[in-house]
Amino acid sequence: MPTSKSEIEARLALGQVTGPRALTVLMRRSCFMILAQALVAFVFLLRGRESPWNAAAP
């Protein structure tokens, strides 16, 4: 399994996972979530909702 604890530890030992690389992945994931909510909020805005950002929240 690619995300098992032993696999992650092996990658860390080989230097394949670095701090900046992991931080970049987390930042991109957060940006994607915000972008996805903004897209849904825009659809709600087009449909005439009063508060589209809140309507788009899960």
N, C-alpha and C. Protein backbone atom coordinates (compact mmCIF):
# COMPACT_ATOMS: atom_id res chain seq x y z
N MET A 1 0.86 -1.18 0.00
CA MET A 1 0.00 0.00 0.00
C MET A 1 0.90 1.24 0.00
N PRO A 2 0.72 2.17 -0.94
CA PRO A 2 1.62 3.32 -1.07
C PRO A 2 1.55 4.32 0.09
N THR A 3 0.47 4.32 0.85
CA THR A 3 0.37 5.29 1.95
C THR A 3 0.45 4.63 3.32
N SER A 4 0.97 3.42 3.37
CA SER A 4 1.11 2.77 4.67
C SER A 4 2.25 3.42 5.45
N LYS A 5 2.22 3.26 6.74
CA LYS A 5 3.22 3.89 7.59
C LYS A 5 4.63 3.44 7.24
N SER A 6 4.80 2.16 6.95
CA SER A 6 6.14 1.65 6.62
C SER A 6 6.64 2.23 5.29
N GLU A 7 5.75 2.39 4.32
CA GLU A 7 6.13 2.98 3.03
C GLU A 7 6.53 4.43 3.19
N ILE A 8 5.78 5.16 3.99
CA ILE A 8 6.10 6.58 4.23
C ILE A 8 7.44 6.70 4.94
N GLU A 9 7.67 5.87 5.94
CA GLU A 9 8.94 5.90 6.65
C GLU A 9 10.10 5.55 5.73
N ALA A 10 9.90 4.60 4.82
CA ALA A 10 10.95 4.24 3.87
C ALA A 10 11.25 5.41 2.93
N ARG A 11 10.23 6.11 2.48
CA ARG A 11 10.45 7.27 1.60
C ARG A 11 11.17 8.40 2.34
N LEU A 12 10.80 8.58 3.61
CA LEU A 12 11.49 9.60 4.41
C LEU A 12 12.97 9.26 4.56
N ALA A 13 13.26 7.99 4.81
CA ALA A 13 14.64 7.56 4.98
C ALA A 13 15.45 7.75 3.69
N LEU A 14 14.82 7.57 2.54
CA LEU A 14 15.50 7.75 1.26
C LEU A 14 15.57 9.21 0.83
N GLY A 15 14.89 10.08 1.56
CA GLY A 15 14.89 11.50 1.21
C GLY A 15 13.95 11.85 0.09
N GLN A 16 12.99 11.00 -0.21
CA GLN A 16 12.04 11.25 -1.29
C GLN A 16 10.92 12.20 -0.87
N VAL A 17 10.68 12.31 0.43
CA VAL A 17 9.66 13.21 0.94
C VAL A 17 10.37 14.31 1.72
N THR A 18 10.19 15.54 1.28
CA THR A 18 10.83 16.65 1.96
C THR A 18 9.76 17.57 2.53
N GLY A 19 10.14 18.40 3.47
CA GLY A 19 9.21 19.32 4.10
C GLY A 19 8.52 20.26 3.11
N PRO A 20 9.29 20.96 2.27
CA PRO A 20 8.65 21.87 1.32
C PRO A 20 7.71 21.16 0.33
N ARG A 21 8.07 19.96 -0.05
CA ARG A 21 7.22 19.21 -0.99
C ARG A 21 5.89 18.85 -0.33
N ALA A 22 5.94 18.38 0.91
CA ALA A 22 4.72 18.03 1.63
C ALA A 22 3.86 19.27 1.88
N LEU A 23 4.50 20.39 2.19
CA LEU A 23 3.78 21.63 2.41
C LEU A 23 3.08 22.09 1.13
N THR A 24 3.75 21.93 0.00
CA THR A 24 3.15 22.29 -1.28
C THR A 24 1.90 21.46 -1.56
N VAL A 25 1.96 20.18 -1.26
CA VAL A 25 0.79 19.32 -1.47
C VAL A 25 -0.37 19.77 -0.60
N LEU A 26 -0.10 20.09 0.66
CA LEU A 26 -1.16 20.54 1.56
C LEU A 26 -1.74 21.87 1.11
N MET A 27 -0.89 22.79 0.65
CA MET A 27 -1.37 24.09 0.19
C MET A 27 -2.23 23.94 -1.06
N ARG A 28 -1.81 23.11 -1.99
CA ARG A 28 -2.59 22.90 -3.22
C ARG A 28 -3.94 22.27 -2.90
N ARG A 29 -3.95 21.34 -1.98
CA ARG A 29 -5.20 20.69 -1.61
C ARG A 29 -6.17 21.70 -1.00
N SER A 30 -5.66 22.56 -0.13
CA SER A 30 -6.51 23.59 0.47
C SER A 30 -7.03 24.56 -0.58
N CYS A 31 -6.16 24.98 -1.48
CA CYS A 31 -6.58 25.90 -2.55
C CYS A 31 -7.64 25.25 -3.44
N PHE A 32 -7.49 23.96 -3.73
CA PHE A 32 -8.48 23.28 -4.56
C PHE A 32 -9.83 23.24 -3.86
N MET A 33 -9.84 23.01 -2.56
CA MET A 33 -11.12 22.96 -1.82
C MET A 33 -11.81 24.33 -1.85
N ILE A 34 -11.03 25.39 -1.66
CA ILE A 34 -11.61 26.73 -1.69
C ILE A 34 -12.11 27.06 -3.09
N LEU A 35 -11.35 26.70 -4.11
CA LEU A 35 -11.76 26.93 -5.49
C LEU A 35 -13.04 26.17 -5.83
N ALA A 36 -13.15 24.94 -5.36
CA ALA A 36 -14.36 24.15 -5.61
C ALA A 36 -15.57 24.79 -4.94
N GLN A 37 -15.41 25.27 -3.71
CA GLN A 37 -16.53 25.92 -3.04
C GLN A 37 -16.89 27.23 -3.75
N ALA A 38 -15.89 27.96 -4.23
CA ALA A 38 -16.16 29.21 -4.94
C ALA A 38 -16.94 28.95 -6.23
N LEU A 39 -16.61 27.86 -6.90
CA LEU A 39 -17.33 27.51 -8.13
C LEU A 39 -18.79 27.20 -7.83
N VAL A 40 -19.04 26.43 -6.79
CA VAL A 40 -20.42 26.11 -6.40
C VAL A 40 -21.14 27.37 -5.93
N ALA A 41 -20.44 28.25 -5.21
CA ALA A 41 -21.04 29.51 -4.76
C ALA A 41 -21.41 30.37 -5.96
N PHE A 42 -20.59 30.36 -6.99
CA PHE A 42 -20.90 31.14 -8.20
C PHE A 42 -22.18 30.63 -8.86
N VAL A 43 -22.35 29.32 -8.87
CA VAL A 43 -23.58 28.74 -9.43
C VAL A 43 -24.78 29.20 -8.61
N PHE A 44 -24.65 29.17 -7.29
CA PHE A 44 -25.74 29.64 -6.44
C PHE A 44 -26.00 31.13 -6.65
N LEU A 45 -24.95 31.91 -6.89
CA LEU A 45 -25.11 33.33 -7.17
C LEU A 45 -25.92 33.54 -8.44
N LEU A 46 -25.61 32.76 -9.45
CA LEU A 46 -26.35 32.85 -10.71
C LEU A 46 -27.82 32.45 -10.54
N ARG A 47 -28.08 31.58 -9.59
CA ARG A 47 -29.46 31.14 -9.35
C ARG A 47 -30.21 32.08 -8.41
N GLY A 48 -29.54 33.15 -7.92
CA GLY A 48 -30.21 34.17 -7.14
C GLY A 48 -30.25 33.96 -5.64
N ARG A 49 -29.38 33.14 -5.09
CA ARG A 49 -29.35 32.95 -3.64
C ARG A 49 -28.87 34.23 -2.95
N GLU A 50 -29.36 34.48 -1.73
CA GLU A 50 -28.95 35.66 -0.97
C GLU A 50 -27.51 35.57 -0.50
N SER A 51 -27.13 34.44 0.01
CA SER A 51 -25.75 34.26 0.49
C SER A 51 -25.17 32.99 -0.16
N PRO A 52 -24.65 33.11 -1.37
CA PRO A 52 -24.19 31.93 -2.10
C PRO A 52 -23.01 31.22 -1.44
N TRP A 53 -22.14 31.96 -0.76
CA TRP A 53 -20.98 31.30 -0.13
C TRP A 53 -21.45 30.35 0.97
N ASN A 54 -22.40 30.82 1.78
CA ASN A 54 -22.93 29.96 2.84
C ASN A 54 -23.75 28.81 2.27
N ALA A 55 -24.45 29.03 1.18
CA ALA A 55 -25.23 27.97 0.56
C ALA A 55 -24.33 26.88 -0.02
N ALA A 56 -23.11 27.27 -0.42
CA ALA A 56 -22.18 26.30 -1.02
C ALA A 56 -21.45 25.47 0.03
N ALA A 57 -21.49 25.89 1.28
CA ALA A 57 -20.79 25.16 2.33
C ALA A 57 -21.44 23.80 2.57
N PRO A 58 -20.58 22.79 2.81
CA PRO A 58 -21.15 21.44 3.03
C PRO A 58 -21.91 21.31 4.32
